[in-house]
Amino acid sequence: MKYVFVCLAACLFFAAPALAEGPADLFAKNCKGCHGADGSKVAMGMTRPLNSLTLDEVKAALAGYKSGTYGGEKKAMMERVVKPLSEADLEALAAHVDSL
């Protein structure tokens, strides 16, 4: 019984940071630096502001970056950011960008 409790406690301890990261945290960690806190920055002088995109445009861009089928000459930067994210993360991130 003691072993089960220790395993459960360890799982909760290591999973808590991942569970605590919401869409706003994902945006702050992955997007804010180039796109601004409110999504209004023109990243690297090449993009439209994120806060001007529709939900469908954001979803299409994120999916395309993840699959490597979207973007211009600087797409490698976005691919590095998006590839490690799960589909659920991408959905949540798109919804957050749509709320900006």
N, C-alpha and C. Protein backbone atom coordinates (compact mmCIF):
# COMPACT_ATOMS: atom_id res chain seq x y z
N MET A 1 0.83 -1.19 0.00
CA MET A 1 0.00 0.00 0.00
C MET A 1 0.87 1.25 0.00
N LYS A 2 1.91 1.19 0.78
CA LYS A 2 2.83 2.33 0.85
C LYS A 2 3.46 2.59 -0.52
N TYR A 3 3.79 1.52 -1.25
CA TYR A 3 4.40 1.64 -2.57
C TYR A 3 3.43 2.32 -3.55
N VAL A 4 2.17 1.97 -3.51
CA VAL A 4 1.16 2.57 -4.38
C VAL A 4 1.04 4.07 -4.09
N PHE A 5 1.03 4.42 -2.83
CA PHE A 5 0.93 5.83 -2.45
C PHE A 5 2.14 6.61 -2.95
N VAL A 6 3.33 6.07 -2.82
CA VAL A 6 4.55 6.73 -3.28
C VAL A 6 4.52 6.91 -4.79
N CYS A 7 4.08 5.89 -5.52
CA CYS A 7 4.00 5.99 -6.99
C CYS A 7 2.98 7.04 -7.41
N LEU A 8 1.83 7.04 -6.76
CA LEU A 8 0.79 8.03 -7.07
C LEU A 8 1.28 9.44 -6.78
N ALA A 9 1.93 9.62 -5.65
CA ALA A 9 2.46 10.93 -5.29
C ALA A 9 3.50 11.40 -6.30
N ALA A 10 4.36 10.49 -6.75
CA ALA A 10 5.39 10.84 -7.73
C ALA A 10 4.75 11.23 -9.06
N CYS A 11 3.74 10.49 -9.48
CA CYS A 11 3.04 10.82 -10.73
C CYS A 11 2.41 12.21 -10.65
N LEU A 12 1.75 12.50 -9.56
CA LEU A 12 1.12 13.81 -9.40
C LEU A 12 2.16 14.92 -9.35
N PHE A 13 3.26 14.67 -8.69
CA PHE A 13 4.33 15.68 -8.59
C PHE A 13 4.90 16.02 -9.96
N PHE A 14 5.17 15.00 -10.77
CA PHE A 14 5.78 15.25 -12.07
C PHE A 14 4.77 15.69 -13.11
N ALA A 15 3.50 15.34 -12.96
CA ALA A 15 2.48 15.73 -13.94
C ALA A 15 1.93 17.11 -13.66
N ALA A 16 2.02 17.60 -12.45
CA ALA A 16 1.41 18.88 -12.08
C ALA A 16 1.87 20.05 -12.96
N PRO A 17 3.16 20.21 -13.25
CA PRO A 17 3.54 21.34 -14.10
C PRO A 17 2.92 21.27 -15.48
N ALA A 18 2.84 20.09 -16.06
CA ALA A 18 2.24 19.94 -17.39
C ALA A 18 0.75 20.24 -17.35
N LEU A 19 0.08 19.81 -16.30
CA LEU A 19 -1.35 20.05 -16.18
C LEU A 19 -1.64 21.52 -15.90
N ALA A 20 -0.72 22.20 -15.26
CA ALA A 20 -0.94 23.60 -14.89
C ALA A 20 -0.75 24.55 -16.07
N GLU A 21 -0.11 24.10 -17.15
CA GLU A 21 0.17 24.98 -18.27
C GLU A 21 -1.07 25.10 -19.15
N GLY A 22 -1.67 26.26 -19.10
CA GLY A 22 -2.85 26.53 -19.90
C GLY A 22 -2.49 27.28 -21.17
N PRO A 23 -3.50 27.63 -21.96
CA PRO A 23 -3.27 28.32 -23.22
C PRO A 23 -2.51 29.64 -23.07
N ALA A 24 -2.83 30.41 -22.05
CA ALA A 24 -2.13 31.68 -21.84
C ALA A 24 -0.66 31.44 -21.53
N ASP A 25 -0.37 30.38 -20.78
CA ASP A 25 1.01 30.02 -20.47
C ASP A 25 1.76 29.57 -21.72
N LEU A 26 1.08 28.76 -22.55
CA LEU A 26 1.68 28.33 -23.81
C LEU A 26 2.01 29.53 -24.70
N PHE A 27 1.08 30.47 -24.77
CA PHE A 27 1.29 31.66 -25.59
C PHE A 27 2.46 32.47 -25.04
N ALA A 28 2.48 32.68 -23.74
CA ALA A 28 3.55 33.47 -23.13
C ALA A 28 4.91 32.82 -23.36
N LYS A 29 4.96 31.51 -23.26
CA LYS A 29 6.22 30.78 -23.40
C LYS A 29 6.68 30.69 -24.85
N ASN A 30 5.75 30.49 -25.78
CA ASN A 30 6.12 30.18 -27.16
C ASN A 30 5.91 31.30 -28.17
N CYS A 31 5.04 32.25 -27.88
CA CYS A 31 4.61 33.20 -28.91
C CYS A 31 4.89 34.66 -28.57
N LYS A 32 4.75 34.99 -27.32
CA LYS A 32 4.80 36.38 -26.86
C LYS A 32 6.07 37.11 -27.30
N GLY A 33 7.19 36.45 -27.26
CA GLY A 33 8.45 37.08 -27.59
C GLY A 33 8.48 37.71 -28.98
N CYS A 34 7.91 37.05 -29.95
CA CYS A 34 7.91 37.57 -31.33
C CYS A 34 6.61 38.28 -31.68
N HIS A 35 5.49 37.81 -31.15
CA HIS A 35 4.18 38.33 -31.56
C HIS A 35 3.58 39.33 -30.57
N GLY A 36 4.23 39.55 -29.43
CA GLY A 36 3.74 40.49 -28.44
C GLY A 36 2.71 39.88 -27.52
N ALA A 37 2.54 40.47 -26.35
CA ALA A 37 1.63 39.94 -25.34
C ALA A 37 0.18 39.90 -25.82
N ASP A 38 -0.18 40.85 -26.68
CA ASP A 38 -1.56 40.89 -27.18
C ASP A 38 -1.67 40.45 -28.64
N GLY A 39 -0.59 39.88 -29.18
CA GLY A 39 -0.62 39.38 -30.55
C GLY A 39 -0.60 40.47 -31.61
N SER A 40 -0.22 41.69 -31.24
CA SER A 40 -0.30 42.80 -32.18
C SER A 40 1.01 43.08 -32.93
N LYS A 41 2.11 42.44 -32.52
CA LYS A 41 3.39 42.68 -33.17
C LYS A 41 3.48 41.98 -34.52
N VAL A 42 4.12 42.62 -35.46
CA VAL A 42 4.42 42.02 -36.76
C VAL A 42 5.77 41.32 -36.59
N ALA A 43 5.75 40.03 -36.38
CA ALA A 43 6.96 39.28 -36.06
C ALA A 43 7.96 39.33 -37.21
N MET A 44 9.17 39.75 -36.89
CA MET A 44 10.27 39.82 -37.84
C MET A 44 9.91 40.64 -39.09
N GLY A 45 8.94 41.52 -38.96
CA GLY A 45 8.51 42.35 -40.07
C GLY A 45 7.90 41.59 -41.22
N MET A 46 7.46 40.34 -40.96
CA MET A 46 7.00 39.48 -42.05
C MET A 46 5.57 38.97 -41.91
N THR A 47 4.98 39.08 -40.74
CA THR A 47 3.69 38.44 -40.52
C THR A 47 2.58 39.46 -40.33
N ARG A 48 1.36 38.98 -40.45
CA ARG A 48 0.23 39.78 -40.01
C ARG A 48 0.15 39.64 -38.49
N PRO A 49 -0.34 40.65 -37.80
CA PRO A 49 -0.52 40.49 -36.36
C PRO A 49 -1.45 39.31 -36.07
N LEU A 50 -1.10 38.51 -35.08
CA LEU A 50 -1.92 37.35 -34.74
C LEU A 50 -3.33 37.76 -34.35
N ASN A 51 -3.47 38.91 -33.69
CA ASN A 51 -4.80 39.30 -33.23
C ASN A 51 -5.70 39.76 -34.38
N SER A 52 -5.18 39.76 -35.61
CA SER A 52 -6.02 40.09 -36.77
C SER A 52 -6.47 38.84 -37.53
N LEU A 53 -6.00 37.67 -37.10
CA LEU A 53 -6.33 36.41 -37.78
C LEU A 53 -7.61 35.81 -37.22
N THR A 54 -8.34 35.11 -38.07
CA THR A 54 -9.52 34.38 -37.62
C THR A 54 -9.07 33.07 -36.95
N LEU A 55 -9.98 32.46 -36.24
CA LEU A 55 -9.69 31.18 -35.59
C LEU A 55 -9.26 30.15 -36.64
N ASP A 56 -9.97 30.09 -37.76
CA ASP A 56 -9.63 29.12 -38.81
C ASP A 56 -8.25 29.39 -39.40
N GLU A 57 -7.88 30.65 -39.55
CA GLU A 57 -6.56 30.99 -40.08
C GLU A 57 -5.46 30.56 -39.10
N VAL A 58 -5.69 30.77 -37.82
CA VAL A 58 -4.70 30.37 -36.81
C VAL A 58 -4.57 28.85 -36.80
N LYS A 59 -5.69 28.15 -36.81
CA LYS A 59 -5.65 26.68 -36.81
C LYS A 59 -4.92 26.15 -38.03
N ALA A 60 -5.21 26.72 -39.20
CA ALA A 60 -4.56 26.27 -40.44
C ALA A 60 -3.06 26.53 -40.39
N ALA A 61 -2.67 27.69 -39.89
CA ALA A 61 -1.25 28.01 -39.80
C ALA A 61 -0.53 27.06 -38.85
N LEU A 62 -1.09 26.86 -37.66
CA LEU A 62 -0.45 25.97 -36.69
C LEU A 62 -0.35 24.55 -37.22
N ALA A 63 -1.42 24.06 -37.83
CA ALA A 63 -1.40 22.70 -38.40
C ALA A 63 -0.37 22.61 -39.52
N GLY A 64 -0.31 23.64 -40.34
CA GLY A 64 0.65 23.64 -41.44
C GLY A 64 2.09 23.70 -40.97
N TYR A 65 2.35 24.51 -39.95
CA TYR A 65 3.70 24.55 -39.40
C TYR A 65 4.07 23.19 -38.80
N LYS A 66 3.12 22.56 -38.12
CA LYS A 66 3.40 21.26 -37.50
C LYS A 66 3.72 20.21 -38.57
N SER A 67 3.00 20.26 -39.70
CA SER A 67 3.23 19.27 -40.75
C SER A 67 4.33 19.68 -41.73
N GLY A 68 4.79 20.94 -41.62
CA GLY A 68 5.85 21.41 -42.50
C GLY A 68 5.37 21.87 -43.87
N THR A 69 4.06 22.12 -44.00
CA THR A 69 3.49 22.50 -45.30
C THR A 69 3.10 23.96 -45.38
N TYR A 70 3.40 24.75 -44.37
CA TYR A 70 2.95 26.13 -44.32
C TYR A 70 4.11 27.05 -43.99
N GLY A 71 4.08 28.23 -44.53
CA GLY A 71 5.04 29.24 -44.14
C GLY A 71 6.01 29.63 -45.24
N GLY A 72 6.64 30.76 -45.02
CA GLY A 72 7.59 31.30 -45.98
C GLY A 72 9.02 30.95 -45.60
N GLU A 73 9.92 31.86 -45.93
CA GLU A 73 11.34 31.60 -45.76
C GLU A 73 11.78 31.43 -44.30
N LYS A 74 11.03 31.96 -43.35
CA LYS A 74 11.39 31.86 -41.94
C LYS A 74 10.57 30.78 -41.21
N LYS A 75 9.94 29.87 -41.96
CA LYS A 75 9.04 28.91 -41.33
C LYS A 75 9.74 27.94 -40.38
N ALA A 76 11.03 27.73 -40.54
CA ALA A 76 11.74 26.79 -39.67
C ALA A 76 11.64 27.21 -38.21
N MET A 77 11.61 28.50 -37.96
CA MET A 77 11.49 28.98 -36.58
C MET A 77 10.15 28.56 -35.99
N MET A 78 9.10 28.75 -36.75
CA MET A 78 7.76 28.37 -36.26
C MET A 78 7.63 26.85 -36.16
N GLU A 79 8.21 26.13 -37.08
CA GLU A 79 8.15 24.67 -37.02
C GLU A 79 8.79 24.17 -35.73
N ARG A 80 9.92 24.75 -35.33
CA ARG A 80 10.58 24.34 -34.08
C ARG A 80 9.70 24.60 -32.87
N VAL A 81 8.93 25.67 -32.92
CA VAL A 81 8.05 26.01 -31.80
C VAL A 81 6.85 25.08 -31.75
N VAL A 82 6.26 24.79 -32.91
CA VAL A 82 4.98 24.09 -32.97
C VAL A 82 5.11 22.57 -32.91
N LYS A 83 6.14 22.00 -33.51
CA LYS A 83 6.24 20.54 -33.60
C LYS A 83 6.13 19.80 -32.26
N PRO A 84 6.73 20.30 -31.17
CA PRO A 84 6.61 19.55 -29.91
C PRO A 84 5.23 19.65 -29.26
N LEU A 85 4.38 20.53 -29.73
CA LEU A 85 3.07 20.72 -29.09
C LEU A 85 2.09 19.65 -29.55
N SER A 86 1.23 19.23 -28.64
CA SER A 86 0.20 18.24 -28.96
C SER A 86 -0.93 18.90 -29.74
N GLU A 87 -1.80 18.09 -30.30
CA GLU A 87 -2.97 18.62 -31.01
C GLU A 87 -3.86 19.41 -30.04
N ALA A 88 -3.97 18.92 -28.81
CA ALA A 88 -4.77 19.63 -27.80
C ALA A 88 -4.14 20.99 -27.49
N ASP A 89 -2.81 21.03 -27.40
CA ASP A 89 -2.12 22.30 -27.17
C ASP A 89 -2.39 23.27 -28.32
N LEU A 90 -2.34 22.77 -29.55
CA LEU A 90 -2.56 23.62 -30.71
C LEU A 90 -3.99 24.17 -30.73
N GLU A 91 -4.95 23.34 -30.39
CA GLU A 91 -6.35 23.79 -30.31
C GLU A 91 -6.50 24.88 -29.25
N ALA A 92 -5.92 24.64 -28.09
CA ALA A 92 -6.02 25.61 -27.00
C ALA A 92 -5.30 26.91 -27.36
N LEU A 93 -4.15 26.79 -27.99
CA LEU A 93 -3.39 27.97 -28.40
C LEU A 93 -4.14 28.77 -29.45
N ALA A 94 -4.75 28.09 -30.40
CA ALA A 94 -5.55 28.77 -31.44
C ALA A 94 -6.72 29.52 -30.80
N ALA A 95 -7.39 28.88 -29.87
CA ALA A 95 -8.51 29.54 -29.18
C ALA A 95 -8.03 30.76 -28.39
N HIS A 96 -6.86 30.64 -27.77
CA HIS A 96 -6.32 31.78 -27.02
C HIS A 96 -5.99 32.93 -27.97
N VAL A 97 -5.34 32.64 -29.09
CA VAL A 97 -5.01 33.69 -30.05
C VAL A 97 -6.28 34.33 -30.56
N ASP A 98 -7.31 33.55 -30.78
CA ASP A 98 -8.59 34.09 -31.26
C ASP A 98 -9.22 35.02 -30.23
N SER A 99 -8.88 34.85 -28.97
CA SER A 99 -9.45 35.69 -27.90
C SER A 99 -8.68 36.99 -27.69
N LEU A 100 -7.55 37.14 -28.36
CA LEU A 100 -6.72 38.34 -28.16
C LEU A 100 -7.37 39.57 -28.76
